[in-house]
């Protein structure tokens, strides 16, 4: 794949840590996410009306809404994660692949609220805002923003967030007391790794894994990710290597590189694959829980 085309595809994936891009088949790349404004309740003002019809353009927000109240969701994105989940069967799909969501389909659903990924759905949300349809742009880059988002959405639809909060707490309860040094590789050309300003970076910190790129800054077109040289990987020489699988068998590609066999982690059999959905892109609640299970055993 030509480098420019690769970077373009990688950028589409990294723009929405929240965006489970429609067919859900990331090329050898990545995606992060965080949250925008939390709802501030002014007791002197009347309560906002409860939202009853929602179009969710990301798999994570669709899952949160469906879990909070299955009656409120009327439209979703064409995500692989959602298409494989029977809970979402029969809902209108308003986007396919990496194309822009279909505005006519969204408008026809008469939504009270449309939720999209900040930086990825900006144009769509702006058009809907001009039509006086309420919108919310989200960008989840850590567990704190995940909890805030869940509380915000629960408030908007008049639901109880407690059951979901309990699932988050149960997930984090699996955190060990300490962990080894770790390096996460999410692509090969270029070699990309998350720092602390990403969902993956925050996930590693919560599970006491010493992310060797957490504090690094560098030239990378993707916020929360830094580009590594092979020399930097060799210098870091982590206890464990986490290779993110995106559908292109990244591990097999890396194993062909000369530097791979020189690392302590590869020599000692401490190389683990982790799914893209859950660690890099939150994907949905189940994929997050699966990564909790995986990291708790390292």
C-alpha atoms as a PDB file:
ATOM      1  CA  UNK A   1       0.000   0.000   0.000  1.00  0.00           C
ATOM      2  CA  UNK A   2       1.418   3.389  -0.860  1.00  0.00           C
ATOM      3  CA  UNK A   3       2.359   5.380   2.234  1.00  0.00           C
ATOM      4  CA  UNK A   4       0.047   8.323   1.506  1.00  0.00           C
ATOM      5  CA  UNK A   5      -2.941   6.022   1.013  1.00  0.00           C
ATOM      6  CA  UNK A   6      -2.039   4.144   4.190  1.00  0.00           C
ATOM      7  CA  UNK A   7      -1.874   7.334   6.238  1.00  0.00           C
ATOM      8  CA  UNK A   8      -5.213   8.471   4.796  1.00  0.00           C
ATOM      9  CA  UNK A   9      -6.907   5.214   5.824  1.00  0.00           C
ATOM     10  CA  UNK A  10      -5.216   5.312   9.204  1.00  0.00           C
ATOM     11  CA  UNK A  11      -6.409   8.862   9.742  1.00  0.00           C
ATOM     12  CA  UNK A  12     -10.025   7.890   9.089  1.00  0.00           C
ATOM     13  CA  UNK A  13      -9.743   5.230  11.756  1.00  0.00           C
ATOM     14  CA  UNK A  14      -7.959   7.374  14.308  1.00  0.00           C
ATOM     15  CA  UNK A  15     -10.337  10.305  13.998  1.00  0.00           C
ATOM     16  CA  UNK A  16     -13.089   8.802  16.005  1.00  0.00           C
ATOM     17  CA  UNK A  17     -11.816   6.557  19.004  1.00  0.00           C
ATOM     18  CA  UNK A  18     -15.555   6.359  19.282  1.00  0.00           C
ATOM     19  CA  UNK A  19     -16.305   5.669  15.677  1.00  0.00           C
ATOM     20  CA  UNK A  20     -16.681   1.983  15.020  1.00  0.00           C
ATOM     21  CA  UNK A  21     -16.365   2.731  11.347  1.00  0.00           C
ATOM     22  CA  UNK A  22     -19.308   1.117   9.699  1.00  0.00           C
ATOM     23  CA  UNK A  23     -17.935  -2.137   8.349  1.00  0.00           C
ATOM     24  CA  UNK A  24     -15.759  -2.290  11.470  1.00  0.00           C
ATOM     25  CA  UNK A  25     -12.752  -3.592   9.549  1.00  0.00           C
ATOM     26  CA  UNK A  26      -9.900  -1.192  10.314  1.00  0.00           C
ATOM     27  CA  UNK A  27      -6.907  -1.468   7.995  1.00  0.00           C
ATOM     28  CA  UNK A  28      -3.645  -1.907   9.868  1.00  0.00           C
ATOM     29  CA  UNK A  29      -4.358   1.113  12.006  1.00  0.00           C
ATOM     30  CA  UNK A  30      -6.208   2.701  14.881  1.00  0.00           C
ATOM     31  CA  UNK A  31      -8.854   4.997  16.487  1.00  0.00           C
ATOM     32  CA  UNK A  32      -9.106   6.969  19.785  1.00  0.00           C
ATOM     33  CA  UNK A  33     -11.990   9.023  21.594  1.00  0.00           C
ATOM     34  CA  UNK A  34     -13.122  11.470  24.530  1.00  0.00           C
ATOM     35  CA  UNK A  35     -16.101  13.433  25.542  1.00  0.00           C
ATOM     36  CA  UNK A  36     -17.183  17.004  25.010  1.00  0.00           C
ATOM     37  CA  UNK A  37     -19.291  19.033  27.420  1.00  0.00           C
ATOM     38  CA  UNK A  38     -20.793  17.444  30.496  1.00  0.00           C
ATOM     39  CA  UNK A  39     -24.337  18.470  31.312  1.00  0.00           C
ATOM     40  CA  UNK A  40     -24.515  21.124  34.008  1.00  0.00           C
ATOM     41  CA  UNK A  41     -27.849  21.264  35.803  1.00  0.00           C
ATOM     42  CA  UNK A  42     -28.952  24.710  36.949  1.00  0.00           C
ATOM     43  CA  UNK A  43     -31.547  24.190  39.661  1.00  0.00           C
ATOM     44  CA  UNK A  44     -32.964  27.642  38.984  1.00  0.00           C
ATOM     45  CA  UNK A  45     -33.907  26.579  35.448  1.00  0.00           C
ATOM     46  CA  UNK A  46     -36.686  24.190  34.444  1.00  0.00           C
ATOM     47  CA  UNK A  47     -35.529  20.698  33.566  1.00  0.00           C
ATOM     48  CA  UNK A  48     -34.904  19.985  29.896  1.00  0.00           C
ATOM     49  CA  UNK A  49     -37.497  17.716  28.266  1.00  0.00           C
ATOM     50  CA  UNK A  50     -36.596  14.042  28.194  1.00  0.00           C
ATOM     51  CA  UNK A  51     -35.242  12.909  24.841  1.00  0.00           C
ATOM     52  CA  UNK A  52     -37.297  10.098  23.299  1.00  0.00           C
ATOM     53  CA  UNK A  53     -35.810   9.457  19.826  1.00  0.00           C
ATOM     54  CA  UNK A  54     -32.072   9.215  19.292  1.00  0.00           C
ATOM     55  CA  UNK A  55     -29.829   8.543  16.316  1.00  0.00           C
ATOM     56  CA  UNK A  56     -26.382   7.354  17.441  1.00  0.00           C
ATOM     57  CA  UNK A  57     -23.613   7.570  14.855  1.00  0.00           C
ATOM     58  CA  UNK A  58     -21.073   5.651  16.962  1.00  0.00           C
ATOM     59  CA  UNK A  59     -21.244   2.083  18.194  1.00  0.00           C
ATOM     60  CA  UNK A  60     -20.369   3.013  21.776  1.00  0.00           C
ATOM     61  CA  UNK A  61     -23.113   5.614  22.183  1.00  0.00           C
ATOM     62  CA  UNK A  62     -25.619   3.298  20.480  1.00  0.00           C
ATOM     63  CA  UNK A  63     -24.742   0.584  22.977  1.00  0.00           C
ATOM     64  CA  UNK A  64     -24.959   2.939  25.957  1.00  0.00           C
ATOM     65  CA  UNK A  65     -28.372   4.252  24.880  1.00  0.00           C
ATOM     66  CA  UNK A  66     -29.725   0.764  24.128  1.00  0.00           C
ATOM     67  CA  UNK A  67     -28.491  -0.485  27.498  1.00  0.00           C
ATOM     68  CA  UNK A  68     -30.000   2.462  29.369  1.00  0.00           C
ATOM     69  CA  UNK A  69     -33.349   2.326  27.532  1.00  0.00           C
ATOM     70  CA  UNK A  70     -33.862   0.149  24.470  1.00  0.00           C
ATOM     71  CA  UNK A  71     -36.930   2.162  23.406  1.00  0.00           C
ATOM     72  CA  UNK A  72     -35.065   5.424  22.744  1.00  0.00           C
ATOM     73  CA  UNK A  73     -32.785   4.409  19.868  1.00  0.00           C
ATOM     74  CA  UNK A  74     -34.219   4.881  16.339  1.00  0.00           C
ATOM     75  CA  UNK A  75     -31.127   5.017  14.113  1.00  0.00           C
ATOM     76  CA  UNK A  76     -27.548   3.726  14.092  1.00  0.00           C
ATOM     77  CA  UNK A  77     -24.377   3.692  12.008  1.00  0.00           C
ATOM     78  CA  UNK A  78     -23.513   0.755   9.754  1.00  0.00           C
ATOM     79  CA  UNK A  79     -20.958  -0.663  12.175  1.00  0.00           C
ATOM     80  CA  UNK A  80     -19.810  -4.292  12.187  1.00  0.00           C
ATOM     81  CA  UNK A  81     -20.120  -4.370  15.977  1.00  0.00           C
ATOM     82  CA  UNK A  82     -23.765  -3.309  15.786  1.00  0.00           C
ATOM     83  CA  UNK A  83     -24.672  -5.475  12.800  1.00  0.00           C
ATOM     84  CA  UNK A  84     -23.499  -8.561  14.709  1.00  0.00           C
ATOM     85  CA  UNK A  85     -25.649  -7.714  17.732  1.00  0.00           C
ATOM     86  CA  UNK A  86     -29.270  -8.806  17.450  1.00  0.00           C
ATOM     87  CA  UNK A  87     -30.375  -6.065  19.844  1.00  0.00           C
ATOM     88  CA  UNK A  88     -29.943  -3.589  16.992  1.00  0.00           C
ATOM     89  CA  UNK A  89     -31.706  -5.625  14.311  1.00  0.00           C
ATOM     90  CA  UNK A  90     -34.478  -3.686  12.626  1.00  0.00           C
ATOM     91  CA  UNK A  91     -33.112  -0.230  13.467  1.00  0.00           C
ATOM     92  CA  UNK A  92     -32.587   2.185  10.584  1.00  0.00           C
ATOM     93  CA  UNK A  93     -28.957   2.312   9.423  1.00  0.00           C
ATOM     94  CA  UNK A  94     -28.058   5.861   8.416  1.00  0.00           C
ATOM     95  CA  UNK A  95     -24.506   5.318   7.189  1.00  0.00           C
ATOM     96  CA  UNK A  96     -22.433   2.664   5.428  1.00  0.00           C
ATOM     97  CA  UNK A  97     -18.682   2.260   5.222  1.00  0.00           C
ATOM     98  CA  UNK A  98     -16.813   5.486   5.797  1.00  0.00           C
ATOM     99  CA  UNK A  99     -19.267   7.621   3.872  1.00  0.00           C
ATOM    100  CA  UNK A 100     -21.029  10.606   5.394  1.00  0.00           C
ATOM    101  CA  UNK A 101     -24.256   9.712   7.227  1.00  0.00           C
ATOM    102  CA  UNK A 102     -27.380  10.113   5.106  1.00  0.00           C
ATOM    103  CA  UNK A 103     -29.005  13.356   6.264  1.00  0.00           C
ATOM    104  CA  UNK A 104     -32.330  12.540   4.631  1.00  0.00           C
ATOM    105  CA  UNK A 105     -32.546   9.231   6.483  1.00  0.00           C
ATOM    106  CA  UNK A 106     -31.680  10.926   9.778  1.00  0.00           C
ATOM    107  CA  UNK A 107     -34.229  13.703   9.322  1.00  0.00           C
ATOM    108  CA  UNK A 108     -36.945  11.204   8.338  1.00  0.00           C
ATOM    109  CA  UNK A 109     -36.514   9.517  11.733  1.00  0.00           C
ATOM    110  CA  UNK A 110     -37.486  12.801  13.433  1.00  0.00           C
ATOM    111  CA  UNK A 111     -34.851  12.483  16.168  1.00  0.00           C
ATOM    112  CA  UNK A 112     -34.764  14.604  19.304  1.00  0.00           C
ATOM    113  CA  UNK A 113     -31.001  14.053  19.505  1.00  0.00           C
ATOM    114  CA  UNK A 114     -28.227  12.944  17.149  1.00  0.00           C
ATOM    115  CA  UNK A 115     -24.931  11.817  18.682  1.00  0.00           C
ATOM    116  CA  UNK A 116     -21.703  11.744  16.671  1.00  0.00           C
ATOM    117  CA  UNK A 117     -17.954  11.560  17.105  1.00  0.00           C
ATOM    118  CA  UNK A 118     -16.151  14.857  17.557  1.00  0.00           C
ATOM    119  CA  UNK A 119     -13.806  15.476  14.636  1.00  0.00           C
ATOM    120  CA  UNK A 120     -15.434  12.786  12.519  1.00  0.00           C
ATOM    121  CA  UNK A 121     -19.103  13.764  12.247  1.00  0.00           C
ATOM    122  CA  UNK A 122     -18.639  17.530  12.580  1.00  0.00           C
ATOM    123  CA  UNK A 123     -20.127  18.388   9.196  1.00  0.00           C
ATOM    124  CA  UNK A 124     -23.176  16.167   9.684  1.00  0.00           C
ATOM    125  CA  UNK A 125     -23.823  17.505  13.180  1.00  0.00           C
ATOM    126  CA  UNK A 126     -23.450  21.097  11.992  1.00  0.00           C
ATOM    127  CA  UNK A 127     -26.038  20.544   9.244  1.00  0.00           C
ATOM    128  CA  UNK A 128     -28.465  19.017  11.728  1.00  0.00           C
ATOM    129  CA  UNK A 129     -27.879  21.839  14.185  1.00  0.00           C
ATOM    130  CA  UNK A 130     -28.812  24.314  11.431  1.00  0.00           C
ATOM    131  CA  UNK A 131     -32.099  22.423  11.141  1.00  0.00           C
ATOM    132  CA  UNK A 132     -32.646  22.917  14.882  1.00  0.00           C
ATOM    133  CA  UNK A 133     -32.090  19.259  15.712  1.00  0.00           C
ATOM    134  CA  UNK A 134     -30.192  18.792  18.976  1.00  0.00           C
ATOM    135  CA  UNK A 135     -26.743  17.257  18.520  1.00  0.00           C
ATOM    136  CA  UNK A 136     -23.975  16.011  20.773  1.00  0.00           C
ATOM    137  CA  UNK A 137     -20.342  15.494  19.751  1.00  0.00           C
ATOM    138  CA  UNK A 138     -18.432  13.023  21.902  1.00  0.00           C
ATOM    139  CA  UNK A 139     -14.767  12.101  22.141  1.00  0.00           C
ATOM    140  CA  UNK A 140     -13.972   9.489  24.804  1.00  0.00           C
ATOM    141  CA  UNK A 141     -10.298   9.451  25.758  1.00  0.00           C
ATOM    142  CA  UNK A 142     -10.510   7.876  29.178  1.00  0.00           C
ATOM    143  CA  UNK A 143     -12.595   6.110  31.792  1.00  0.00           C
ATOM    144  CA  UNK A 144     -13.537   9.417  33.405  1.00  0.00           C
ATOM    145  CA  UNK A 145     -15.065  10.720  30.186  1.00  0.00           C
ATOM    146  CA  UNK A 146     -16.819   7.378  29.611  1.00  0.00           C
ATOM    147  CA  UNK A 147     -18.532   7.702  32.991  1.00  0.00           C
ATOM    148  CA  UNK A 148     -19.422  11.362  32.358  1.00  0.00           C
ATOM    149  CA  UNK A 149     -20.854  10.497  28.958  1.00  0.00           C
ATOM    150  CA  UNK A 150     -22.951   7.693  30.425  1.00  0.00           C
ATOM    151  CA  UNK A 151     -24.319   9.991  33.128  1.00  0.00           C
ATOM    152  CA  UNK A 152     -25.037  12.712  30.588  1.00  0.00           C
ATOM    153  CA  UNK A 153     -26.935  10.389  28.270  1.00  0.00           C
ATOM    154  CA  UNK A 154     -28.852   8.838  31.168  1.00  0.00           C
ATOM    155  CA  UNK A 155     -29.946  12.309  32.257  1.00  0.00           C
ATOM    156  CA  UNK A 156     -31.073  13.196  28.739  1.00  0.00           C
ATOM    157  CA  UNK A 157     -33.316  10.145  28.411  1.00  0.00           C
ATOM    158  CA  UNK A 158     -34.447   9.972  32.019  1.00  0.00           C
ATOM    159  CA  UNK A 159     -32.729   6.661  32.752  1.00  0.00           C
ATOM    160  CA  UNK A 160     -30.794   5.293  35.726  1.00  0.00           C
ATOM    161  CA  UNK A 161     -27.036   5.081  34.969  1.00  0.00           C
ATOM    162  CA  UNK A 162     -26.308   2.934  38.056  1.00  0.00           C
ATOM    163  CA  UNK A 163     -26.380  -0.504  36.334  1.00  0.00           C
ATOM    164  CA  UNK A 164     -23.858   0.645  33.729  1.00  0.00           C
ATOM    165  CA  UNK A 165     -21.677   2.299  36.368  1.00  0.00           C
ATOM    166  CA  UNK A 166     -21.649  -1.004  38.232  1.00  0.00           C
ATOM    167  CA  UNK A 167     -20.404  -2.747  35.092  1.00  0.00           C
ATOM    168  CA  UNK A 168     -17.607  -0.188  34.747  1.00  0.00           C
ATOM    169  CA  UNK A 169     -16.681  -0.637  38.401  1.00  0.00           C
ATOM    170  CA  UNK A 170     -16.679  -4.420  38.036  1.00  0.00           C
ATOM    171  CA  UNK A 171     -14.388  -4.074  35.050  1.00  0.00           C
ATOM    172  CA  UNK A 172     -11.884  -1.903  36.890  1.00  0.00           C
ATOM    173  CA  UNK A 173     -12.077  -4.101  39.991  1.00  0.00           C
ATOM    174  CA  UNK A 174      -9.954  -6.592  38.032  1.00  0.00           C
ATOM    175  CA  UNK A 175      -7.008  -4.180  38.111  1.00  0.00           C
ATOM    176  CA  UNK A 176      -3.875  -5.814  39.593  1.00  0.00           C
ATOM    177  CA  UNK A 177      -1.743  -4.097  42.245  1.00  0.00           C
ATOM    178  CA  UNK A 178       1.202  -3.715  39.873  1.00  0.00           C
ATOM    179  CA  UNK A 179       2.145  -4.565  36.327  1.00  0.00           C
ATOM    180  CA  UNK A 180       5.087  -4.959  33.946  1.00  0.00           C
ATOM    181  CA  UNK A 181       6.460  -2.435  31.473  1.00  0.00           C
ATOM    182  CA  UNK A 182       4.510  -2.561  28.240  1.00  0.00           C
ATOM    183  CA  UNK A 183       4.666  -1.312  24.694  1.00  0.00           C
ATOM    184  CA  UNK A 184       1.569  -1.216  22.488  1.00  0.00           C
ATOM    185  CA  UNK A 185       1.973  -1.338  18.721  1.00  0.00           C
ATOM    186  CA  UNK A 186      -1.074  -0.431  16.668  1.00  0.00           C
ATOM    187  CA  UNK A 187       0.416  -0.281  13.183  1.00  0.00           C
ATOM    188  CA  UNK A 188       3.642  -1.114  11.376  1.00  0.00           C
ATOM    189  CA  UNK A 189       4.247   1.575   8.744  1.00  0.00           C
ATOM    190  CA  UNK A 190       4.519   3.821  10.601  1.00  0.00           C
ATOM    191  CA  UNK A 191       5.045   2.174  13.997  1.00  0.00           C
ATOM    192  CA  UNK A 192       2.429   3.865  16.180  1.00  0.00           C
ATOM    193  CA  UNK A 193       1.950   3.602  19.941  1.00  0.00           C
ATOM    194  CA  UNK A 194      -0.480   5.376  22.307  1.00  0.00           C
ATOM    195  CA  UNK A 195       0.632   7.934  24.870  1.00  0.00           C
ATOM    196  CA  UNK A 196      -1.349   8.925  27.952  1.00  0.00           C
ATOM    197  CA  UNK A 197      -3.639  11.242  25.981  1.00  0.00           C
ATOM    198  CA  UNK A 198      -5.590   8.385  24.412  1.00  0.00           C
ATOM    199  CA  UNK A 199      -8.244   5.900  25.474  1.00  0.00           C
ATOM    200  CA  UNK A 200      -5.663   3.094  25.172  1.00  0.00           C
ATOM    201  CA  UNK A 201      -3.156   5.024  27.281  1.00  0.00           C
ATOM    202  CA  UNK A 202      -5.675   5.609  30.048  1.00  0.00           C
ATOM    203  CA  UNK A 203      -6.751   1.953  29.907  1.00  0.00           C
ATOM    204  CA  UNK A 204      -3.158   0.777  30.409  1.00  0.00           C
ATOM    205  CA  UNK A 205      -2.663   3.160  33.329  1.00  0.00           C
ATOM    206  CA  UNK A 206      -5.831   1.909  35.031  1.00  0.00           C
ATOM    207  CA  UNK A 207      -4.467  -1.640  34.850  1.00  0.00           C
ATOM    208  CA  UNK A 208      -1.081  -0.674  36.314  1.00  0.00           C
ATOM    209  CA  UNK A 209       0.778  -1.407  33.084  1.00  0.00           C
ATOM    210  CA  UNK A 210       3.770   0.887  32.721  1.00  0.00           C
ATOM    211  CA  UNK A 211       3.165   2.212  29.225  1.00  0.00           C
ATOM    212  CA  UNK A 212       6.635   3.090  27.942  1.00  0.00           C
ATOM    213  CA  UNK A 213       5.239   5.674  25.530  1.00  0.00           C
ATOM    214  CA  UNK A 214       2.852   7.312  28.031  1.00  0.00           C
ATOM    215  CA  UNK A 215       4.901  10.480  28.434  1.00  0.00           C
ATOM    216  CA  UNK A 216       6.294  10.641  24.920  1.00  0.00           C
ATOM    217  CA  UNK A 217       5.457  13.393  22.515  1.00  0.00           C
ATOM    218  CA  UNK A 218       6.357  13.355  18.875  1.00  0.00           C
ATOM    219  CA  UNK A 219       5.379  14.163  15.364  1.00  0.00           C
ATOM    220  CA  UNK A 220       2.290  12.175  14.520  1.00  0.00           C
ATOM    221  CA  UNK A 221      -0.845  13.255  12.665  1.00  0.00           C
ATOM    222  CA  UNK A 222      -2.965  11.407  15.220  1.00  0.00           C
ATOM    223  CA  UNK A 223      -3.703  12.912  18.615  1.00  0.00           C
ATOM    224  CA  UNK A 224      -2.799  10.558  21.444  1.00  0.00           C
ATOM    225  CA  UNK A 225      -0.412   8.480  19.336  1.00  0.00           C
ATOM    226  CA  UNK A 226       3.287   8.835  18.649  1.00  0.00           C
ATOM    227  CA  UNK A 227       5.468   7.513  15.854  1.00  0.00           C
ATOM    228  CA  UNK A 228       8.315   5.222  16.907  1.00  0.00           C
ATOM    229  CA  UNK A 229      11.511   4.284  15.123  1.00  0.00           C
ATOM    230  CA  UNK A 230      12.737   0.696  15.262  1.00  0.00           C
ATOM    231  CA  UNK A 231      15.655   1.966  17.341  1.00  0.00           C
ATOM    232  CA  UNK A 232      13.239   3.475  19.877  1.00  0.00           C
ATOM    233  CA  UNK A 233      11.386   0.184  20.169  1.00  0.00           C
ATOM    234  CA  UNK A 234      14.673  -1.633  20.796  1.00  0.00           C
ATOM    235  CA  UNK A 235      15.729   0.939  23.384  1.00  0.00           C
ATOM    236  CA  UNK A 236      12.444   0.676  25.258  1.00  0.00           C
ATOM    237  CA  UNK A 237      12.754  -3.154  25.354  1.00  0.00           C
ATOM    238  CA  UNK A 238       9.480  -3.750  27.284  1.00  0.00           C
ATOM    239  CA  UNK A 239       8.592  -6.697  29.512  1.00  0.00           C
ATOM    240  CA  UNK A 240       5.502  -7.344  27.380  1.00  0.00           C
ATOM    241  CA  UNK A 241       4.381  -6.365  23.897  1.00  0.00           C
ATOM    242  CA  UNK A 242       0.723  -5.744  23.082  1.00  0.00           C
ATOM    243  CA  UNK A 243      -0.050  -5.958  19.379  1.00  0.00           C
ATOM    244  CA  UNK A 244      -3.391  -4.550  18.292  1.00  0.00           C
ATOM    245  CA  UNK A 245      -5.168  -6.723  15.757  1.00  0.00           C
ATOM    246  CA  UNK A 246      -7.140  -4.735  13.221  1.00  0.00           C
ATOM    247  CA  UNK A 247      -7.870  -7.420  10.658  1.00  0.00           C
ATOM    248  CA  UNK A 248      -4.577  -7.265   8.754  1.00  0.00           C
ATOM    249  CA  UNK A 249      -2.633  -9.722  10.961  1.00  0.00           C
ATOM    250  CA  UNK A 250      -0.290  -7.053  12.296  1.00  0.00           C
ATOM    251  CA  UNK A 251       1.596  -9.554  14.450  1.00  0.00           C
ATOM    252  CA  UNK A 252       2.638 -11.622  11.431  1.00  0.00           C
ATOM    253  CA  UNK A 253       3.833  -8.468   9.692  1.00  0.00           C
ATOM    254  CA  UNK A 254       5.918  -7.368  12.664  1.00  0.00           C
ATOM    255  CA  UNK A 255       7.472 -10.793  13.016  1.00  0.00           C
ATOM    256  CA  UNK A 256       9.114 -10.281   9.618  1.00  0.00           C
ATOM    257  CA  UNK A 257      11.050  -7.204  10.825  1.00  0.00           C
ATOM    258  CA  UNK A 258      14.705  -7.695  11.883  1.00  0.00           C
ATOM    259  CA  UNK A 259      14.279  -5.800  15.176  1.00  0.00           C
ATOM    260  CA  UNK A 260      11.449  -8.074  16.348  1.00  0.00           C
ATOM    261  CA  UNK A 261      13.598 -11.015  17.447  1.00  0.00           C
ATOM    262  CA  UNK A 262      15.937  -8.755  19.424  1.00  0.00           C
ATOM    263  CA  UNK A 263      13.300  -7.714  21.969  1.00  0.00           C
ATOM    264  CA  UNK A 264      13.154  -9.256  25.434  1.00  0.00           C
ATOM    265  CA  UNK A 265       9.400  -9.699  25.195  1.00  0.00           C
ATOM    266  CA  UNK A 266       9.603 -11.717  21.979  1.00  0.00           C
ATOM    267  CA  UNK A 267      12.479 -13.835  23.273  1.00  0.00           C
ATOM    268  CA  UNK A 268      10.567 -14.659  26.463  1.00  0.00           C
ATOM    269  CA  UNK A 269       7.205 -15.271  24.799  1.00  0.00           C
ATOM    270  CA  UNK A 270       5.570 -12.189  26.316  1.00  0.00           C
ATOM    271  CA  UNK A 271       3.753 -11.007  23.199  1.00  0.00           C
ATOM    272  CA  UNK A 272      -0.041 -10.683  23.313  1.00  0.00           C
ATOM    273  CA  UNK A 273      -2.625  -9.660  20.760  1.00  0.00           C
ATOM    274  CA  UNK A 274      -5.441  -7.351  21.810  1.00  0.00           C
ATOM    275  CA  UNK A 275      -8.502  -6.487  19.772  1.00  0.00           C
ATOM    276  CA  UNK A 276      -8.696  -3.043  18.215  1.00  0.00           C
ATOM    277  CA  UNK A 277     -12.229  -2.661  19.558  1.00  0.00           C
ATOM    278  CA  UNK A 278     -11.916  -2.235  23.288  1.00  0.00           C
ATOM    279  CA  UNK A 279      -8.326  -1.059  23.598  1.00  0.00           C
ATOM    280  CA  UNK A 280      -7.941   1.493  20.792  1.00  0.00           C
ATOM    281  CA  UNK A 281     -11.534   2.208  19.864  1.00  0.00           C
ATOM    282  CA  UNK A 282     -13.871   1.527  22.815  1.00  0.00           C
ATOM    283  CA  UNK A 283     -16.271  -0.099  20.347  1.00  0.00           C
ATOM    284  CA  UNK A 284     -18.964  -1.133  22.811  1.00  0.00           C
ATOM    285  CA  UNK A 285     -19.312  -2.091  26.447  1.00  0.00           C
ATOM    286  CA  UNK A 286     -18.696  -5.788  25.809  1.00  0.00           C
ATOM    287  CA  UNK A 287     -15.447  -5.114  23.943  1.00  0.00           C
ATOM    288  CA  UNK A 288     -14.263  -2.885  26.800  1.00  0.00           C
ATOM    289  CA  UNK A 289     -15.047  -5.651  29.294  1.00  0.00           C
ATOM    290  CA  UNK A 290     -13.146  -8.160  27.149  1.00  0.00           C
ATOM    291  CA  UNK A 291     -10.023  -5.984  27.294  1.00  0.00           C
ATOM    292  CA  UNK A 292     -10.427  -5.704  31.068  1.00  0.00           C
ATOM    293  CA  UNK A 293     -10.366  -9.489  31.244  1.00  0.00           C
ATOM    294  CA  UNK A 294      -7.299  -9.646  28.982  1.00  0.00           C
ATOM    295  CA  UNK A 295      -5.236  -7.014  30.783  1.00  0.00           C
ATOM    296  CA  UNK A 296      -6.054  -8.414  34.209  1.00  0.00           C
ATOM    297  CA  UNK A 297      -4.200 -11.626  33.313  1.00  0.00           C
ATOM    298  CA  UNK A 298      -0.926 -10.029  32.177  1.00  0.00           C
END
